[in-house]
Structures are given as structure tokens and as C-alpha cells.
N, C-alpha and C. Protein backbone atom coordinates (compact mmCIF):
# COMPACT_ATOMS: atom_id res chain seq x y z
N MET A 1 30.47 6.71 -10.89
CA MET A 1 31.00 6.02 -12.04
C MET A 1 31.92 4.87 -11.58
N PHE A 2 32.71 5.13 -10.54
CA PHE A 2 33.63 4.12 -10.03
C PHE A 2 32.88 2.91 -9.50
N LYS A 3 31.72 3.16 -8.83
CA LYS A 3 30.93 2.07 -8.27
C LYS A 3 30.38 1.19 -9.40
N LYS A 4 29.95 1.81 -10.48
CA LYS A 4 29.41 1.03 -11.60
C LYS A 4 30.50 0.18 -12.24
N LEU A 5 31.68 0.74 -12.35
CA LEU A 5 32.80 0.02 -12.95
C LEU A 5 33.19 -1.16 -12.07
N THR A 6 33.22 -0.96 -10.77
CA THR A 6 33.54 -2.03 -9.83
C THR A 6 32.49 -3.13 -9.90
N LEU A 7 31.22 -2.73 -9.95
CA LEU A 7 30.14 -3.70 -10.03
C LEU A 7 30.25 -4.51 -11.33
N ALA A 8 30.53 -3.85 -12.43
CA ALA A 8 30.66 -4.55 -13.71
C ALA A 8 31.84 -5.53 -13.68
N ALA A 9 32.96 -5.11 -13.08
CA ALA A 9 34.12 -5.99 -12.99
C ALA A 9 33.82 -7.21 -12.12
N ALA A 10 33.12 -6.99 -11.01
CA ALA A 10 32.77 -8.10 -10.11
C ALA A 10 31.82 -9.06 -10.81
N ALA A 11 30.85 -8.52 -11.55
CA ALA A 11 29.91 -9.38 -12.27
C ALA A 11 30.64 -10.18 -13.35
N GLY A 12 31.56 -9.55 -14.04
CA GLY A 12 32.34 -10.25 -15.06
C GLY A 12 33.19 -11.36 -14.47
N ALA A 13 33.84 -11.07 -13.33
CA ALA A 13 34.67 -12.08 -12.68
C ALA A 13 33.80 -13.25 -12.20
N GLY A 14 32.64 -12.94 -11.66
CA GLY A 14 31.73 -13.99 -11.21
C GLY A 14 31.26 -14.87 -12.36
N TYR A 15 31.00 -14.23 -13.48
CA TYR A 15 30.57 -15.00 -14.66
C TYR A 15 31.67 -15.95 -15.14
N VAL A 16 32.90 -15.41 -15.23
CA VAL A 16 34.02 -16.23 -15.71
C VAL A 16 34.27 -17.39 -14.76
N LEU A 17 34.31 -17.11 -13.46
CA LEU A 17 34.55 -18.18 -12.49
C LEU A 17 33.41 -19.20 -12.50
N GLY A 18 32.19 -18.72 -12.64
CA GLY A 18 31.05 -19.62 -12.69
C GLY A 18 31.08 -20.50 -13.93
N ALA A 19 31.48 -19.91 -15.04
CA ALA A 19 31.54 -20.67 -16.29
C ALA A 19 32.63 -21.74 -16.21
N ARG A 20 33.73 -21.42 -15.55
CA ARG A 20 34.81 -22.40 -15.41
C ARG A 20 34.40 -23.54 -14.50
N ALA A 21 33.63 -23.21 -13.46
CA ALA A 21 33.21 -24.26 -12.53
C ALA A 21 32.29 -25.26 -13.23
N GLY A 22 31.41 -24.73 -14.05
CA GLY A 22 30.56 -25.58 -14.86
C GLY A 22 29.49 -26.33 -14.10
N LYS A 23 28.93 -27.31 -14.79
CA LYS A 23 27.80 -28.06 -14.25
C LYS A 23 28.17 -28.91 -13.06
N GLU A 24 29.39 -29.40 -13.04
CA GLU A 24 29.80 -30.27 -11.93
C GLU A 24 29.75 -29.51 -10.61
N ARG A 25 30.29 -28.31 -10.57
CA ARG A 25 30.28 -27.51 -9.35
C ARG A 25 28.85 -27.12 -8.97
N TYR A 26 28.04 -26.82 -9.97
CA TYR A 26 26.64 -26.50 -9.71
C TYR A 26 25.95 -27.67 -9.04
N ARG A 27 26.19 -28.86 -9.51
CA ARG A 27 25.58 -30.05 -8.93
C ARG A 27 26.06 -30.27 -7.49
N GLN A 28 27.33 -29.98 -7.22
CA GLN A 28 27.85 -30.10 -5.86
C GLN A 28 27.15 -29.12 -4.91
N ILE A 29 26.99 -27.89 -5.38
CA ILE A 29 26.33 -26.86 -4.56
C ILE A 29 24.88 -27.25 -4.32
N GLU A 30 24.21 -27.73 -5.36
CA GLU A 30 22.81 -28.14 -5.23
C GLU A 30 22.67 -29.30 -4.25
N ALA A 31 23.57 -30.27 -4.30
CA ALA A 31 23.53 -31.42 -3.39
C ALA A 31 23.73 -30.97 -1.95
N LYS A 32 24.65 -30.04 -1.73
CA LYS A 32 24.89 -29.53 -0.38
C LYS A 32 23.66 -28.78 0.14
N PHE A 33 23.03 -28.02 -0.73
CA PHE A 33 21.82 -27.30 -0.34
C PHE A 33 20.72 -28.28 0.07
N ARG A 34 20.52 -29.31 -0.72
CA ARG A 34 19.48 -30.31 -0.40
C ARG A 34 19.80 -31.03 0.91
N GLU A 35 21.08 -31.28 1.13
CA GLU A 35 21.49 -31.94 2.38
C GLU A 35 21.16 -31.05 3.58
N LEU A 36 21.49 -29.78 3.48
CA LEU A 36 21.19 -28.84 4.57
C LEU A 36 19.69 -28.67 4.76
N ALA A 37 18.96 -28.57 3.65
CA ALA A 37 17.51 -28.37 3.74
C ALA A 37 16.81 -29.58 4.36
N GLY A 38 17.41 -30.74 4.27
CA GLY A 38 16.80 -31.94 4.82
C GLY A 38 17.01 -32.13 6.31
N LYS A 39 17.86 -31.33 6.91
CA LYS A 39 18.14 -31.48 8.35
C LYS A 39 16.94 -31.01 9.16
N PRO A 40 16.63 -31.73 10.25
CA PRO A 40 15.46 -31.38 11.07
C PRO A 40 15.55 -29.95 11.66
N ALA A 41 16.74 -29.53 12.06
CA ALA A 41 16.87 -28.19 12.65
C ALA A 41 16.50 -27.12 11.62
N VAL A 42 16.92 -27.31 10.39
CA VAL A 42 16.61 -26.35 9.33
C VAL A 42 15.11 -26.37 9.03
N GLN A 43 14.52 -27.55 9.02
CA GLN A 43 13.09 -27.66 8.76
C GLN A 43 12.28 -27.02 9.88
N ASP A 44 12.72 -27.20 11.14
CA ASP A 44 12.04 -26.56 12.27
C ASP A 44 12.14 -25.04 12.17
N ALA A 45 13.32 -24.55 11.83
CA ALA A 45 13.51 -23.10 11.69
C ALA A 45 12.64 -22.55 10.57
N THR A 46 12.54 -23.30 9.49
CA THR A 46 11.71 -22.86 8.37
C THR A 46 10.24 -22.82 8.76
N ALA A 47 9.78 -23.83 9.47
CA ALA A 47 8.38 -23.87 9.92
C ALA A 47 8.09 -22.71 10.88
N SER A 48 9.02 -22.46 11.79
CA SER A 48 8.86 -21.35 12.74
C SER A 48 8.81 -20.01 12.01
N LEU A 49 9.66 -19.86 11.03
CA LEU A 49 9.68 -18.63 10.24
C LEU A 49 8.37 -18.44 9.49
N LYS A 50 7.83 -19.52 8.94
CA LYS A 50 6.56 -19.43 8.22
C LYS A 50 5.43 -19.01 9.16
N GLU A 51 5.40 -19.59 10.37
CA GLU A 51 4.37 -19.23 11.34
C GLU A 51 4.48 -17.77 11.75
N THR A 52 5.70 -17.32 12.00
CA THR A 52 5.91 -15.93 12.37
C THR A 52 5.48 -14.99 11.25
N ALA A 53 5.85 -15.34 10.03
CA ALA A 53 5.49 -14.51 8.89
C ALA A 53 3.98 -14.45 8.71
N ALA A 54 3.30 -15.57 8.93
CA ALA A 54 1.85 -15.60 8.81
C ALA A 54 1.20 -14.71 9.87
N GLY A 55 1.73 -14.75 11.10
CA GLY A 55 1.21 -13.89 12.16
C GLY A 55 1.41 -12.42 11.86
N VAL A 56 2.58 -12.08 11.36
CA VAL A 56 2.87 -10.69 11.01
C VAL A 56 1.96 -10.25 9.86
N ALA A 57 1.75 -11.12 8.90
CA ALA A 57 0.89 -10.79 7.76
C ALA A 57 -0.55 -10.56 8.22
N ASP A 58 -1.04 -11.39 9.14
CA ASP A 58 -2.40 -11.23 9.66
C ASP A 58 -2.54 -9.90 10.41
N THR A 59 -1.54 -9.57 11.23
CA THR A 59 -1.57 -8.31 11.97
C THR A 59 -1.55 -7.13 11.01
N ALA A 60 -0.69 -7.20 10.00
CA ALA A 60 -0.61 -6.11 9.03
C ALA A 60 -1.92 -5.97 8.27
N LYS A 61 -2.53 -7.07 7.91
CA LYS A 61 -3.80 -7.04 7.18
C LYS A 61 -4.89 -6.39 8.04
N ALA A 62 -4.95 -6.76 9.31
CA ALA A 62 -5.95 -6.19 10.21
C ALA A 62 -5.74 -4.68 10.37
N THR A 63 -4.49 -4.27 10.51
CA THR A 63 -4.18 -2.85 10.66
C THR A 63 -4.58 -2.07 9.42
N VAL A 64 -4.25 -2.59 8.26
CA VAL A 64 -4.61 -1.92 7.01
C VAL A 64 -6.13 -1.83 6.87
N ASN A 65 -6.83 -2.91 7.18
CA ASN A 65 -8.29 -2.89 7.10
C ASN A 65 -8.89 -1.85 8.03
N GLU A 66 -8.36 -1.73 9.26
CA GLU A 66 -8.85 -0.73 10.20
C GLU A 66 -8.63 0.68 9.66
N LYS A 67 -7.45 0.92 9.11
CA LYS A 67 -7.14 2.25 8.57
C LYS A 67 -8.05 2.59 7.39
N VAL A 68 -8.25 1.62 6.51
CA VAL A 68 -9.11 1.86 5.35
C VAL A 68 -10.54 2.11 5.80
N GLU A 69 -11.00 1.36 6.78
CA GLU A 69 -12.35 1.55 7.30
C GLU A 69 -12.50 2.93 7.92
N ALA A 70 -11.49 3.38 8.66
CA ALA A 70 -11.55 4.70 9.28
C ALA A 70 -11.61 5.79 8.21
N VAL A 71 -10.81 5.66 7.17
CA VAL A 71 -10.83 6.65 6.09
C VAL A 71 -12.16 6.61 5.36
N THR A 72 -12.69 5.43 5.14
CA THR A 72 -13.97 5.28 4.46
C THR A 72 -15.09 5.92 5.28
N ASP A 73 -15.06 5.72 6.60
CA ASP A 73 -16.07 6.33 7.47
C ASP A 73 -15.99 7.84 7.40
N LYS A 74 -14.79 8.40 7.43
CA LYS A 74 -14.63 9.85 7.34
C LYS A 74 -15.14 10.36 6.00
N THR A 75 -14.86 9.62 4.93
CA THR A 75 -15.32 10.03 3.61
C THR A 75 -16.84 10.01 3.54
N LYS A 76 -17.46 8.98 4.13
CA LYS A 76 -18.92 8.89 4.14
C LYS A 76 -19.52 10.06 4.91
N ASP A 77 -18.89 10.43 6.06
CA ASP A 77 -19.38 11.54 6.85
C ASP A 77 -19.30 12.83 6.05
N LYS A 78 -18.22 13.03 5.34
CA LYS A 78 -18.07 14.25 4.54
C LYS A 78 -19.05 14.28 3.38
N SER A 79 -19.32 13.12 2.79
CA SER A 79 -20.27 13.10 1.67
C SER A 79 -21.68 13.40 2.18
N LYS A 80 -22.00 12.99 3.42
CA LYS A 80 -23.30 13.33 3.99
C LYS A 80 -23.40 14.83 4.19
N GLU A 81 -22.31 15.47 4.63
CA GLU A 81 -22.31 16.92 4.80
C GLU A 81 -22.52 17.61 3.46
N LYS A 82 -21.90 17.08 2.42
CA LYS A 82 -22.05 17.67 1.10
C LYS A 82 -23.47 17.52 0.59
N ASP A 83 -24.14 16.45 0.93
CA ASP A 83 -25.51 16.23 0.48
C ASP A 83 -26.47 17.25 1.07
N THR A 84 -26.17 17.81 2.24
CA THR A 84 -27.07 18.75 2.87
C THR A 84 -26.86 20.17 2.38
N VAL A 85 -25.84 20.43 1.59
CA VAL A 85 -25.60 21.78 1.07
C VAL A 85 -26.60 22.06 -0.03
N VAL A 86 -27.21 23.26 0.01
CA VAL A 86 -28.20 23.64 -0.98
C VAL A 86 -27.56 24.62 -1.94
N ASP A 87 -27.68 24.36 -3.23
CA ASP A 87 -27.13 25.26 -4.25
C ASP A 87 -28.21 26.23 -4.67
N LEU A 88 -28.10 27.49 -4.25
CA LEU A 88 -29.08 28.51 -4.61
C LEU A 88 -28.57 29.40 -5.74
N GLY A 89 -27.46 29.04 -6.32
CA GLY A 89 -26.88 29.87 -7.38
C GLY A 89 -27.54 29.70 -8.73
N THR A 90 -28.49 28.78 -8.86
CA THR A 90 -29.12 28.56 -10.16
C THR A 90 -30.25 29.52 -10.42
N GLY A 91 -30.76 30.16 -9.40
CA GLY A 91 -31.88 31.08 -9.58
C GLY A 91 -33.22 30.37 -9.53
N ALA A 92 -33.21 29.04 -9.46
CA ALA A 92 -34.46 28.29 -9.41
C ALA A 92 -34.99 28.31 -7.99
N ASN A 93 -36.29 28.47 -7.84
CA ASN A 93 -36.91 28.47 -6.53
C ASN A 93 -37.29 27.04 -6.19
N THR A 94 -36.46 26.39 -5.36
CA THR A 94 -36.71 24.99 -5.00
C THR A 94 -37.43 24.87 -3.68
N GLY A 95 -37.64 25.98 -3.01
CA GLY A 95 -38.29 25.92 -1.72
C GLY A 95 -37.30 25.80 -0.58
N ALA A 96 -36.02 25.51 -0.87
CA ALA A 96 -34.99 25.41 0.16
C ALA A 96 -34.45 26.80 0.43
N THR A 97 -34.14 27.06 1.67
CA THR A 97 -33.59 28.36 2.02
C THR A 97 -32.37 28.20 2.88
N MET A 98 -31.51 29.18 2.79
CA MET A 98 -30.36 29.26 3.67
C MET A 98 -30.64 30.33 4.70
N ALA A 99 -29.88 30.35 5.76
CA ALA A 99 -30.08 31.37 6.78
C ALA A 99 -29.87 32.74 6.15
N GLY A 100 -30.83 33.63 6.33
CA GLY A 100 -30.73 34.98 5.79
C GLY A 100 -31.30 35.12 4.40
N ALA A 101 -31.67 34.02 3.75
CA ALA A 101 -32.22 34.09 2.40
C ALA A 101 -33.74 34.15 2.49
N ALA A 102 -34.32 34.91 1.61
CA ALA A 102 -35.78 35.02 1.59
C ALA A 102 -36.37 33.80 0.92
N PRO A 103 -37.50 33.30 1.40
CA PRO A 103 -38.10 32.11 0.81
C PRO A 103 -38.54 32.30 -0.64
N SER A 104 -38.68 33.53 -1.07
CA SER A 104 -39.16 33.76 -2.44
C SER A 104 -38.06 33.51 -3.47
N GLY A 105 -36.86 33.27 -3.03
CA GLY A 105 -35.77 33.02 -3.98
C GLY A 105 -34.98 34.29 -4.27
N SER A 106 -35.41 35.44 -3.75
CA SER A 106 -34.65 36.67 -4.00
C SER A 106 -33.49 36.74 -3.02
N ALA A 107 -32.44 37.37 -3.44
CA ALA A 107 -31.25 37.50 -2.60
C ALA A 107 -31.47 38.57 -1.56
N PRO A 108 -30.92 38.41 -0.36
CA PRO A 108 -31.06 39.44 0.67
C PRO A 108 -30.28 40.68 0.28
N ASP A 109 -30.72 41.79 0.79
CA ASP A 109 -30.06 43.05 0.49
C ASP A 109 -28.84 43.17 1.40
N ILE A 110 -27.65 43.07 0.81
CA ILE A 110 -26.43 43.11 1.60
C ILE A 110 -25.82 44.49 1.66
N THR A 111 -26.46 45.47 1.03
CA THR A 111 -25.93 46.85 1.06
C THR A 111 -26.20 47.51 2.38
N ARG A 112 -27.23 47.06 3.12
CA ARG A 112 -27.53 47.66 4.44
C ARG A 112 -26.60 47.09 5.48
N PRO A 113 -26.13 47.95 6.42
CA PRO A 113 -25.30 47.43 7.51
C PRO A 113 -26.07 46.71 8.56
């Protein structure tokens, strides 16, 4: 509760001070920002940062694509395994048999040891 109260007080103080400063102070801050942004050192740093960010983004994209491909391959392998399972619980004689099942569609006698 104390943190929220402090945050609200700080926001209120910032609003009041900002309102008093008005448009003139805003224009001064904006002019200073444009002056700094126009310096060659700042422009070089910005360009370097953009290049680094692009490289990191490319690496992250490649990593994500590899992970997705690996998961997709595993899913495809599992779906192939599921396709080979024969459902004999319907009672229909499809001609498919499981190990220990009689080809006639009758269930094996499991009462014998």
C-alpha cells in the first residue's frame, strides 16, 4: 500500500511540475534531444545498435525455427506410429491381426495359462 501511495505522489508531483514548465520547457527539451540525435557519435552508436539487434533477431529466428522443426518432426513420427495401430475393438473382421489374435476375428482364450 505504501509503494502505491508513493508512486501516486510522485506521479502527481511530476504532473504539477510538468504543467508549470509548460510548452516552453518542452520545446527546450525537444531541441536538446534533436541536437544530441544529430551528432555523428550518436548516429554511429544508433547504427551499430541496429546492426547488433538485427543479428540477434536473425539468430533468435533461426533457433526458434530449428526448435519448431524438431518438434514437428517428432509429432510426425508419433502420428506415423499411431497410423499403424489397428483397432480390433469394433468386432469387424478387417483382415488385420495383432500378435496372438486369431485371423478369424475371435479373441484369444486368455483363461489358459
